[in-house]
Amino acid sequence: MTEGLEAYRRYLLDDKGNKPGSVEDTLYRLGVFFPEGEVLLRDLTNRTCNGYYEALRVRKSRLNKAFSVDSHRNILAEAKSFLRWCCAKKKWLTRNPLDEIEGVGKRKHGKAQLRVDEARRWLVKAVTLADDGNEGAVAALLALVMGMRASEIVDRTVRDLDDGGKLLWIPDSKTEAGRRTLQVPELLQPYLRNLAEGKPSKAKLFGHHWRDWVRKWVKRICVGAGVPNVTAHGMRGLHSTLAVANGVSAHVVAASLATSRARPPSRAT
């Protein structure tokens, strides 16, 4: 199993061209599903794999929490893909012992979103924290105002901030549609310019963080604003909702949430 997973890593990196961070996530999930590294692939049976899935459903994640239905079903899907590759590409297996194992539990449909009035309160709190020099609050603002993924936020470099802070490049998304250049609304420009000041062009704009950093800041602001806890992905979903309703533009989304206490700062803080 250990050798098979290492070969799969090289395939994802070299043949498919997946991002290293994405590959590491995949290998982490596969390692969680297949905990016995020395087991021979040819010895995997339907019964063995079903036992792996049953154990996964009660195991704790690296955050010391039980895996959600969405999480353990997604991990099962990744495990199926890996064994399918072992069958079709490498001929190490004649059949996939996971084919007949179905995911258990009902998936959630969509992420919880704040209402507009709640989002306005959240925005006021986020701006207050950003004005106090909290970089995490700025990162969280990018999720709502610009609709960015948590991984996209933490991966941004100084070089990606362009045209005096008016544009933010995302050249390395997992999909073609995800590779884009975003307009930065006036609300965020001073914060991002301040973050970039004095750093080398290849330096990370927010420093080195795991994507959970953004999620934690989104929730921290929810608590401070007295609104329901939502995820960073839920903030991205709210951005999409507002964009569809008001016209697809980060400037429009920022304006639709703006209040007298959430205006662009007059100077970088």
C-alpha atoms as a PDB file:
ATOM      1  CA  MET A   1       0.000   0.000   0.000  1.00  0.00           C
ATOM      2  CA  THR A   2       2.794   2.430   0.900  1.00  0.00           C
ATOM      3  CA  GLU A   3       4.498   1.892  -2.466  1.00  0.00           C
ATOM      4  CA  GLY A   4       1.197   2.160  -4.324  1.00  0.00           C
ATOM      5  CA  LEU A   5       0.341   5.468  -2.662  1.00  0.00           C
ATOM      6  CA  GLU A   6       3.773   6.864  -3.483  1.00  0.00           C
ATOM      7  CA  ALA A   7       3.314   5.886  -7.141  1.00  0.00           C
ATOM      8  CA  TYR A   8      -0.102   7.540  -7.097  1.00  0.00           C
ATOM      9  CA  ARG A   9       1.481  10.696  -5.670  1.00  0.00           C
ATOM     10  CA  ARG A  10       3.917  10.846  -8.583  1.00  0.00           C
ATOM     11  CA  TYR A  11       1.075  10.237 -11.046  1.00  0.00           C
ATOM     12  CA  LEU A  12      -0.995  13.105  -9.618  1.00  0.00           C
ATOM     13  CA  LEU A  13       1.981  15.474  -9.609  1.00  0.00           C
ATOM     14  CA  ASP A  14       3.747  14.548 -12.843  1.00  0.00           C
ATOM     15  CA  ASP A  15       1.050  13.166 -15.147  1.00  0.00           C
ATOM     16  CA  LYS A  16      -2.020  15.090 -14.013  1.00  0.00           C
ATOM     17  CA  GLY A  17      -0.160  18.224 -12.957  1.00  0.00           C
ATOM     18  CA  ASN A  18      -2.104  18.665  -9.708  1.00  0.00           C
ATOM     19  CA  LYS A  19      -0.911  21.266  -7.222  1.00  0.00           C
ATOM     20  CA  PRO A  20       1.412  19.876  -4.501  1.00  0.00           C
ATOM     21  CA  GLY A  21      -0.927  21.049  -1.731  1.00  0.00           C
ATOM     22  CA  SER A  22      -3.886  19.329  -3.346  1.00  0.00           C
ATOM     23  CA  VAL A  23      -1.873  16.126  -3.760  1.00  0.00           C
ATOM     24  CA  GLU A  24      -0.817  16.192  -0.112  1.00  0.00           C
ATOM     25  CA  ASP A  25      -4.463  16.545   0.902  1.00  0.00           C
ATOM     26  CA  THR A  26      -5.377  13.562  -1.271  1.00  0.00           C
ATOM     27  CA  LEU A  27      -2.596  11.423   0.160  1.00  0.00           C
ATOM     28  CA  TYR A  28      -3.576  12.397   3.699  1.00  0.00           C
ATOM     29  CA  ARG A  29      -7.151  11.245   3.056  1.00  0.00           C
ATOM     30  CA  LEU A  30      -5.983   8.003   1.455  1.00  0.00           C
ATOM     31  CA  GLY A  31      -3.688   7.386   4.408  1.00  0.00           C
ATOM     32  CA  VAL A  32      -6.650   7.843   6.719  1.00  0.00           C
ATOM     33  CA  PHE A  33      -8.729   5.345   4.750  1.00  0.00           C
ATOM     34  CA  PHE A  34      -5.918   2.775   4.325  1.00  0.00           C
ATOM     35  CA  PRO A  35      -4.179   2.794   7.730  1.00  0.00           C
ATOM     36  CA  GLU A  36      -2.154  -0.404   7.138  1.00  0.00           C
ATOM     37  CA  GLY A  37       0.764   0.703   5.009  1.00  0.00           C
ATOM     38  CA  GLU A  38       2.335  -2.743   4.714  1.00  0.00           C
ATOM     39  CA  VAL A  39      -0.770  -4.551   3.442  1.00  0.00           C
ATOM     40  CA  LEU A  40      -0.453  -5.960  -0.089  1.00  0.00           C
ATOM     41  CA  LEU A  41      -2.828  -4.435  -2.614  1.00  0.00           C
ATOM     42  CA  ARG A  42      -3.685  -7.869  -3.963  1.00  0.00           C
ATOM     43  CA  ASP A  43      -4.858  -8.913  -0.486  1.00  0.00           C
ATOM     44  CA  LEU A  44      -7.530  -6.209  -0.322  1.00  0.00           C
ATOM     45  CA  THR A  45     -11.021  -7.683  -0.263  1.00  0.00           C
ATOM     46  CA  ASN A  46     -14.500  -6.251  -0.129  1.00  0.00           C
ATOM     47  CA  ARG A  47     -14.700  -7.260   3.526  1.00  0.00           C
ATOM     48  CA  THR A  48     -11.363  -5.622   4.393  1.00  0.00           C
ATOM     49  CA  CYS A  49     -12.264  -2.379   2.632  1.00  0.00           C
ATOM     50  CA  ASN A  50     -15.692  -2.315   4.226  1.00  0.00           C
ATOM     51  CA  GLY A  51     -13.939  -2.609   7.591  1.00  0.00           C
ATOM     52  CA  TYR A  52     -11.739   0.347   6.685  1.00  0.00           C
ATOM     53  CA  TYR A  53     -14.823   2.427   5.897  1.00  0.00           C
ATOM     54  CA  GLU A  54     -16.620   1.428   9.082  1.00  0.00           C
ATOM     55  CA  ALA A  55     -13.536   2.387  11.111  1.00  0.00           C
ATOM     56  CA  LEU A  56     -13.259   5.701   9.266  1.00  0.00           C
ATOM     57  CA  ARG A  57     -16.802   6.665  10.218  1.00  0.00           C
ATOM     58  CA  VAL A  58     -15.925   6.615  13.940  1.00  0.00           C
ATOM     59  CA  ARG A  59     -12.338   7.846  13.693  1.00  0.00           C
ATOM     60  CA  LYS A  60     -11.237  11.392  14.622  1.00  0.00           C
ATOM     61  CA  SER A  61      -9.760  13.773  12.057  1.00  0.00           C
ATOM     62  CA  ARG A  62      -6.482  15.645  12.524  1.00  0.00           C
ATOM     63  CA  LEU A  63      -8.609  18.371  14.136  1.00  0.00           C
ATOM     64  CA  ASN A  64      -9.716  15.790  16.747  1.00  0.00           C
ATOM     65  CA  LYS A  65     -13.293  15.824  15.493  1.00  0.00           C
ATOM     66  CA  ALA A  66     -15.396  13.006  14.082  1.00  0.00           C
ATOM     67  CA  PHE A  67     -15.542  13.024  10.301  1.00  0.00           C
ATOM     68  CA  SER A  68     -18.779  14.499   8.970  1.00  0.00           C
ATOM     69  CA  VAL A  69     -20.913  12.550   6.507  1.00  0.00           C
ATOM     70  CA  ASP A  70     -19.613  14.693   3.660  1.00  0.00           C
ATOM     71  CA  SER A  71     -16.019  14.119   4.774  1.00  0.00           C
ATOM     72  CA  HIS A  72     -16.105  10.340   5.147  1.00  0.00           C
ATOM     73  CA  ARG A  73     -18.067   9.936   1.910  1.00  0.00           C
ATOM     74  CA  ASN A  74     -15.564  12.145   0.077  1.00  0.00           C
ATOM     75  CA  ILE A  75     -12.670  10.113   1.490  1.00  0.00           C
ATOM     76  CA  LEU A  76     -14.410   6.928   0.343  1.00  0.00           C
ATOM     77  CA  ALA A  77     -14.734   8.411  -3.153  1.00  0.00           C
ATOM     78  CA  GLU A  78     -11.011   9.239  -3.210  1.00  0.00           C
ATOM     79  CA  ALA A  79     -10.163   5.705  -2.094  1.00  0.00           C
ATOM     80  CA  LYS A  80     -12.322   4.297  -4.897  1.00  0.00           C
ATOM     81  CA  SER A  81     -10.524   6.518  -7.411  1.00  0.00           C
ATOM     82  CA  PHE A  82      -7.138   5.324  -6.177  1.00  0.00           C
ATOM     83  CA  LEU A  83      -8.052   1.634  -6.464  1.00  0.00           C
ATOM     84  CA  ARG A  84      -9.662   2.293  -9.850  1.00  0.00           C
ATOM     85  CA  TRP A  85      -6.295   3.716 -10.951  1.00  0.00           C
ATOM     86  CA  CYS A  86      -4.571   0.628  -9.558  1.00  0.00           C
ATOM     87  CA  CYS A  87      -6.843  -1.510 -11.748  1.00  0.00           C
ATOM     88  CA  ALA A  88      -7.004   0.475 -14.981  1.00  0.00           C
ATOM     89  CA  LYS A  89      -3.608   2.165 -15.151  1.00  0.00           C
ATOM     90  CA  LYS A  90      -1.248  -0.155 -13.291  1.00  0.00           C
ATOM     91  CA  LYS A  91      -3.019  -3.540 -13.593  1.00  0.00           C
ATOM     92  CA  TRP A  92      -2.104  -4.267  -9.981  1.00  0.00           C
ATOM     93  CA  LEU A  93      -5.677  -5.376  -9.297  1.00  0.00           C
ATOM     94  CA  THR A  94      -8.163  -7.238 -11.462  1.00  0.00           C
ATOM     95  CA  ARG A  95     -11.164  -5.654  -9.720  1.00  0.00           C
ATOM     96  CA  ASN A  96     -11.867  -2.782  -7.364  1.00  0.00           C
ATOM     97  CA  PRO A  97     -12.864  -4.144  -3.930  1.00  0.00           C
ATOM     98  CA  LEU A  98     -14.505  -0.805  -3.110  1.00  0.00           C
ATOM     99  CA  ASP A  99     -16.906  -0.805  -6.053  1.00  0.00           C
ATOM    100  CA  GLU A 100     -19.776  -2.340  -4.085  1.00  0.00           C
ATOM    101  CA  ILE A 101     -19.328  -0.220  -0.949  1.00  0.00           C
ATOM    102  CA  GLU A 102     -21.764   2.686  -0.755  1.00  0.00           C
ATOM    103  CA  GLY A 103     -21.359   5.829   1.303  1.00  0.00           C
ATOM    104  CA  VAL A 104     -23.503   5.990   4.443  1.00  0.00           C
ATOM    105  CA  GLY A 105     -25.510   8.996   5.601  1.00  0.00           C
ATOM    106  CA  LYS A 106     -27.169  11.984   3.999  1.00  0.00           C
ATOM    107  CA  ARG A 107     -24.948  14.673   2.587  1.00  0.00           C
ATOM    108  CA  LYS A 108     -25.558  18.309   3.409  1.00  0.00           C
ATOM    109  CA  HIS A 109     -26.802  20.347   0.472  1.00  0.00           C
ATOM    110  CA  GLY A 110     -24.909  23.615   0.402  1.00  0.00           C
ATOM    111  CA  LYS A 111     -23.256  25.539   3.213  1.00  0.00           C
ATOM    112  CA  ALA A 112     -25.134  27.724   5.688  1.00  0.00           C
ATOM    113  CA  GLN A 113     -25.095  31.387   4.728  1.00  0.00           C
ATOM    114  CA  LEU A 114     -25.626  34.584   6.668  1.00  0.00           C
ATOM    115  CA  ARG A 115     -28.581  36.795   5.854  1.00  0.00           C
ATOM    116  CA  VAL A 116     -27.750  40.211   4.419  1.00  0.00           C
ATOM    117  CA  ASP A 117     -28.316  42.087   7.689  1.00  0.00           C
ATOM    118  CA  GLU A 118     -26.162  39.507   9.515  1.00  0.00           C
ATOM    119  CA  ALA A 119     -23.464  39.856   6.852  1.00  0.00           C
ATOM    120  CA  ARG A 120     -23.461  43.612   7.371  1.00  0.00           C
ATOM    121  CA  ARG A 121     -22.842  43.145  11.099  1.00  0.00           C
ATOM    122  CA  TRP A 122     -20.147  40.605  10.281  1.00  0.00           C
ATOM    123  CA  LEU A 123     -18.522  43.053   7.859  1.00  0.00           C
ATOM    124  CA  VAL A 124     -18.467  45.853  10.445  1.00  0.00           C
ATOM    125  CA  LYS A 125     -16.742  43.547  12.952  1.00  0.00           C
ATOM    126  CA  ALA A 126     -14.271  42.291  10.334  1.00  0.00           C
ATOM    127  CA  VAL A 127     -13.332  45.838   9.301  1.00  0.00           C
ATOM    128  CA  THR A 128     -12.852  46.831  12.939  1.00  0.00           C
ATOM    129  CA  LEU A 129     -10.481  43.913  13.477  1.00  0.00           C
ATOM    130  CA  ALA A 130      -8.674  44.633  10.201  1.00  0.00           C
ATOM    131  CA  ASP A 131      -8.211  48.271  11.268  1.00  0.00           C
ATOM    132  CA  ASP A 132      -6.607  46.949  14.464  1.00  0.00           C
ATOM    133  CA  GLY A 133      -4.003  45.140  12.355  1.00  0.00           C
ATOM    134  CA  ASN A 134      -5.445  41.613  12.347  1.00  0.00           C
ATOM    135  CA  GLU A 135      -4.360  40.033   9.069  1.00  0.00           C
ATOM    136  CA  GLY A 136      -6.765  37.135   9.571  1.00  0.00           C
ATOM    137  CA  ALA A 137      -9.694  39.541   9.412  1.00  0.00           C
ATOM    138  CA  VAL A 138      -8.459  40.796   6.044  1.00  0.00           C
ATOM    139  CA  ALA A 139      -8.180  37.198   4.827  1.00  0.00           C
ATOM    140  CA  ALA A 140     -11.735  36.493   5.994  1.00  0.00           C
ATOM    141  CA  LEU A 141     -12.972  39.592   4.168  1.00  0.00           C
ATOM    142  CA  LEU A 142     -11.604  38.202   0.897  1.00  0.00           C
ATOM    143  CA  ALA A 143     -13.878  35.179   1.267  1.00  0.00           C
ATOM    144  CA  LEU A 144     -17.012  37.306   1.529  1.00  0.00           C
ATOM    145  CA  VAL A 145     -16.254  40.360  -0.581  1.00  0.00           C
ATOM    146  CA  MET A 146     -14.295  38.634  -3.358  1.00  0.00           C
ATOM    147  CA  GLY A 147     -15.698  35.105  -3.191  1.00  0.00           C
ATOM    148  CA  MET A 148     -12.280  33.465  -2.844  1.00  0.00           C
ATOM    149  CA  ARG A 149     -11.584  29.949  -1.562  1.00  0.00           C
ATOM    150  CA  ALA A 150      -9.628  29.660   1.674  1.00  0.00           C
ATOM    151  CA  SER A 151      -6.791  27.890  -0.176  1.00  0.00           C
ATOM    152  CA  GLU A 152      -6.681  30.672  -2.787  1.00  0.00           C
ATOM    153  CA  ILE A 153      -6.401  33.295  -0.061  1.00  0.00           C
ATOM    154  CA  VAL A 154      -3.479  31.721   1.808  1.00  0.00           C
ATOM    155  CA  ASP A 155      -1.643  30.916  -1.444  1.00  0.00           C
ATOM    156  CA  ARG A 156      -1.522  34.497  -2.723  1.00  0.00           C
ATOM    157  CA  THR A 157       1.877  36.107  -3.109  1.00  0.00           C
ATOM    158  CA  VAL A 158       2.922  39.750  -3.175  1.00  0.00           C
ATOM    159  CA  ARG A 159       3.374  39.491  -6.947  1.00  0.00           C
ATOM    160  CA  ASP A 160      -0.290  38.498  -7.335  1.00  0.00           C
ATOM    161  CA  LEU A 161      -1.374  41.917  -6.037  1.00  0.00           C
ATOM    162  CA  ASP A 162      -1.174  44.128  -9.119  1.00  0.00           C
ATOM    163  CA  ASP A 163      -1.957  47.594 -10.481  1.00  0.00           C
ATOM    164  CA  GLY A 164      -1.497  49.410  -7.202  1.00  0.00           C
ATOM    165  CA  GLY A 165      -3.651  46.937  -5.302  1.00  0.00           C
ATOM    166  CA  LYS A 166      -6.575  47.089  -7.744  1.00  0.00           C
ATOM    167  CA  LEU A 167      -6.138  43.581  -9.159  1.00  0.00           C
ATOM    168  CA  LEU A 168      -5.480  40.192  -7.594  1.00  0.00           C
ATOM    169  CA  TRP A 169      -4.244  37.372  -9.803  1.00  0.00           C
ATOM    170  CA  ILE A 170      -5.180  33.721  -9.183  1.00  0.00           C
ATOM    171  CA  PRO A 171      -3.083  31.871 -11.775  1.00  0.00           C
ATOM    172  CA  ASP A 172      -2.887  28.446 -10.150  1.00  0.00           C
ATOM    173  CA  SER A 173      -6.420  27.286  -9.370  1.00  0.00           C
ATOM    174  CA  LYS A 174      -7.302  23.583  -9.713  1.00  0.00           C
ATOM    175  CA  THR A 175      -9.629  24.318 -12.656  1.00  0.00           C
ATOM    176  CA  GLU A 176      -9.324  26.443 -15.780  1.00  0.00           C
ATOM    177  CA  ALA A 177     -12.331  28.519 -14.714  1.00  0.00           C
ATOM    178  CA  GLY A 178     -10.685  29.135 -11.370  1.00  0.00           C
ATOM    179  CA  ARG A 179      -7.653  30.798 -12.982  1.00  0.00           C
ATOM    180  CA  ARG A 180      -8.721  34.398 -13.035  1.00  0.00           C
ATOM    181  CA  THR A 181      -7.921  37.995 -12.221  1.00  0.00           C
ATOM    182  CA  LEU A 182     -10.160  39.676  -9.663  1.00  0.00           C
ATOM    183  CA  GLN A 183     -10.878  43.359  -9.195  1.00  0.00           C
ATOM    184  CA  VAL A 184     -10.133  44.405  -5.631  1.00  0.00           C
ATOM    185  CA  PRO A 185     -12.807  46.734  -4.218  1.00  0.00           C
ATOM    186  CA  GLU A 186     -11.693  49.973  -2.594  1.00  0.00           C
ATOM    187  CA  LEU A 187     -12.618  48.576   0.820  1.00  0.00           C
ATOM    188  CA  LEU A 188      -9.786  46.026   0.644  1.00  0.00           C
ATOM    189  CA  GLN A 189      -7.110  47.811  -1.374  1.00  0.00           C
ATOM    190  CA  PRO A 190      -5.396  49.646   1.539  1.00  0.00           C
ATOM    191  CA  TYR A 191      -5.232  46.481   3.642  1.00  0.00           C
ATOM    192  CA  LEU A 192      -3.682  44.429   0.846  1.00  0.00           C
ATOM    193  CA  ARG A 193      -1.205  47.143  -0.107  1.00  0.00           C
ATOM    194  CA  ASN A 194      -0.164  47.352   3.541  1.00  0.00           C
ATOM    195  CA  LEU A 195       0.338  43.562   3.684  1.00  0.00           C
ATOM    196  CA  ALA A 196       2.511  43.633   0.551  1.00  0.00           C
ATOM    197  CA  GLU A 197       4.668  46.577   1.588  1.00  0.00           C
ATOM    198  CA  GLY A 198       8.322  45.696   2.046  1.00  0.00           C
ATOM    199  CA  LYS A 199       7.952  42.014   1.164  1.00  0.00           C
ATOM    200  CA  PRO A 200       9.710  40.206  -1.727  1.00  0.00           C
ATOM    201  CA  SER A 201       7.534  39.579  -4.779  1.00  0.00           C
ATOM    202  CA  LYS A 202       7.395  35.814  -4.164  1.00  0.00           C
ATOM    203  CA  ALA A 203       6.562  36.088  -0.464  1.00  0.00           C
ATOM    204  CA  LYS A 204       3.144  34.950   0.702  1.00  0.00           C
ATOM    205  CA  LEU A 205       0.849  37.950   1.126  1.00  0.00           C
ATOM    206  CA  PHE A 206      -0.488  36.635   4.461  1.00  0.00           C
ATOM    207  CA  GLY A 207       2.571  34.637   5.481  1.00  0.00           C
ATOM    208  CA  HIS A 208       2.502  30.864   5.747  1.00  0.00           C
ATOM    209  CA  HIS A 209      -0.824  29.510   6.912  1.00  0.00           C
ATOM    210  CA  TRP A 210      -2.934  26.412   6.431  1.00  0.00           C
ATOM    211  CA  ARG A 211      -6.338  27.152   4.869  1.00  0.00           C
ATOM    212  CA  ASP A 212      -8.042  26.392   8.203  1.00  0.00           C
ATOM    213  CA  TRP A 213      -6.610  29.729   9.355  1.00  0.00           C
ATOM    214  CA  VAL A 214      -9.137  31.551   7.168  1.00  0.00           C
ATOM    215  CA  ARG A 215     -11.982  29.356   8.399  1.00  0.00           C
ATOM    216  CA  LYS A 216     -11.084  30.036  12.027  1.00  0.00           C
ATOM    217  CA  TRP A 217     -11.069  33.783  11.419  1.00  0.00           C
ATOM    218  CA  VAL A 218     -14.463  33.660   9.702  1.00  0.00           C
ATOM    219  CA  LYS A 219     -15.900  31.908  12.758  1.00  0.00           C
ATOM    220  CA  ARG A 220     -14.103  34.214  15.196  1.00  0.00           C
ATOM    221  CA  ILE A 221     -15.714  37.199  13.487  1.00  0.00           C
ATOM    222  CA  CYS A 222     -19.102  35.474  13.550  1.00  0.00           C
ATOM    223  CA  VAL A 223     -18.812  35.137  17.327  1.00  0.00           C
ATOM    224  CA  GLY A 224     -17.674  38.737  17.727  1.00  0.00           C
ATOM    225  CA  ALA A 225     -20.495  40.038  15.529  1.00  0.00           C
ATOM    226  CA  GLY A 226     -23.122  37.926  17.283  1.00  0.00           C
ATOM    227  CA  VAL A 227     -24.251  36.173  14.115  1.00  0.00           C
ATOM    228  CA  PRO A 228     -24.630  32.433  13.351  1.00  0.00           C
ATOM    229  CA  ASN A 229     -21.390  30.536  12.800  1.00  0.00           C
ATOM    230  CA  VAL A 230     -20.731  29.849   9.125  1.00  0.00           C
ATOM    231  CA  THR A 231     -17.761  28.505   7.215  1.00  0.00           C
ATOM    232  CA  ALA A 232     -15.432  30.336   4.854  1.00  0.00           C
ATOM    233  CA  HIS A 233     -17.074  28.350   2.076  1.00  0.00           C
ATOM    234  CA  GLY A 234     -20.446  29.610   3.271  1.00  0.00           C
ATOM    235  CA  MET A 235     -19.140  33.164   2.941  1.00  0.00           C
ATOM    236  CA  ARG A 236     -18.083  32.370  -0.597  1.00  0.00           C
ATOM    237  CA  GLY A 237     -21.598  31.092  -1.244  1.00  0.00           C
ATOM    238  CA  LEU A 238     -23.085  34.324   0.092  1.00  0.00           C
ATOM    239  CA  HIS A 239     -20.802  36.254  -2.252  1.00  0.00           C
ATOM    240  CA  SER A 240     -22.215  34.267  -5.158  1.00  0.00           C
ATOM    241  CA  THR A 241     -25.778  34.903  -3.992  1.00  0.00           C
ATOM    242  CA  LEU A 242     -25.189  38.647  -3.771  1.00  0.00           C
ATOM    243  CA  ALA A 243     -23.281  38.701  -7.053  1.00  0.00           C
ATOM    244  CA  VAL A 244     -26.144  37.052  -8.917  1.00  0.00           C
ATOM    245  CA  ALA A 245     -28.638  39.447  -7.356  1.00  0.00           C
ATOM    246  CA  ASN A 246     -26.614  42.615  -7.923  1.00  0.00           C
ATOM    247  CA  GLY A 247     -24.325  41.942 -10.872  1.00  0.00           C
ATOM    248  CA  VAL A 248     -21.108  39.931 -10.755  1.00  0.00           C
ATOM    249  CA  SER A 249     -18.560  42.343  -9.293  1.00  0.00           C
ATOM    250  CA  ALA A 250     -16.676  42.442  -6.005  1.00  0.00           C
ATOM    251  CA  HIS A 251     -17.233  46.217  -6.004  1.00  0.00           C
ATOM    252  CA  VAL A 252     -20.993  45.670  -6.197  1.00  0.00           C
ATOM    253  CA  VAL A 253     -20.945  43.025  -3.446  1.00  0.00           C
ATOM    254  CA  ALA A 254     -18.929  45.329  -1.175  1.00  0.00           C
ATOM    255  CA  ALA A 255     -21.288  48.215  -1.911  1.00  0.00           C
ATOM    256  CA  SER A 256     -24.375  46.091  -1.226  1.00  0.00           C
ATOM    257  CA  LEU A 257     -23.105  45.325   2.280  1.00  0.00           C
ATOM    258  CA  ALA A 258     -21.598  48.723   3.017  1.00  0.00           C
ATOM    259  CA  THR A 259     -22.725  50.644   6.083  1.00  0.00           C
ATOM    260  CA  SER A 260     -21.489  53.848   7.624  1.00  0.00           C
ATOM    261  CA  ARG A 261     -19.110  51.758   9.770  1.00  0.00           C
ATOM    262  CA  ALA A 262     -17.802  49.581   6.944  1.00  0.00           C
ATOM    263  CA  ARG A 263     -16.388  52.069   4.488  1.00  0.00           C
ATOM    264  CA  PRO A 264     -12.920  51.917   2.905  1.00  0.00           C
ATOM    265  CA  PRO A 265     -10.383  53.215   5.431  1.00  0.00           C
ATOM    266  CA  SER A 266      -8.897  56.601   4.603  1.00  0.00           C
ATOM    267  CA  ARG A 267      -5.390  55.232   5.048  1.00  0.00           C
ATOM    268  CA  ALA A 268      -3.627  51.888   5.299  1.00  0.00           C
ATOM    269  CA  THR A 269      -3.516  50.552   8.828  1.00  0.00           C
END
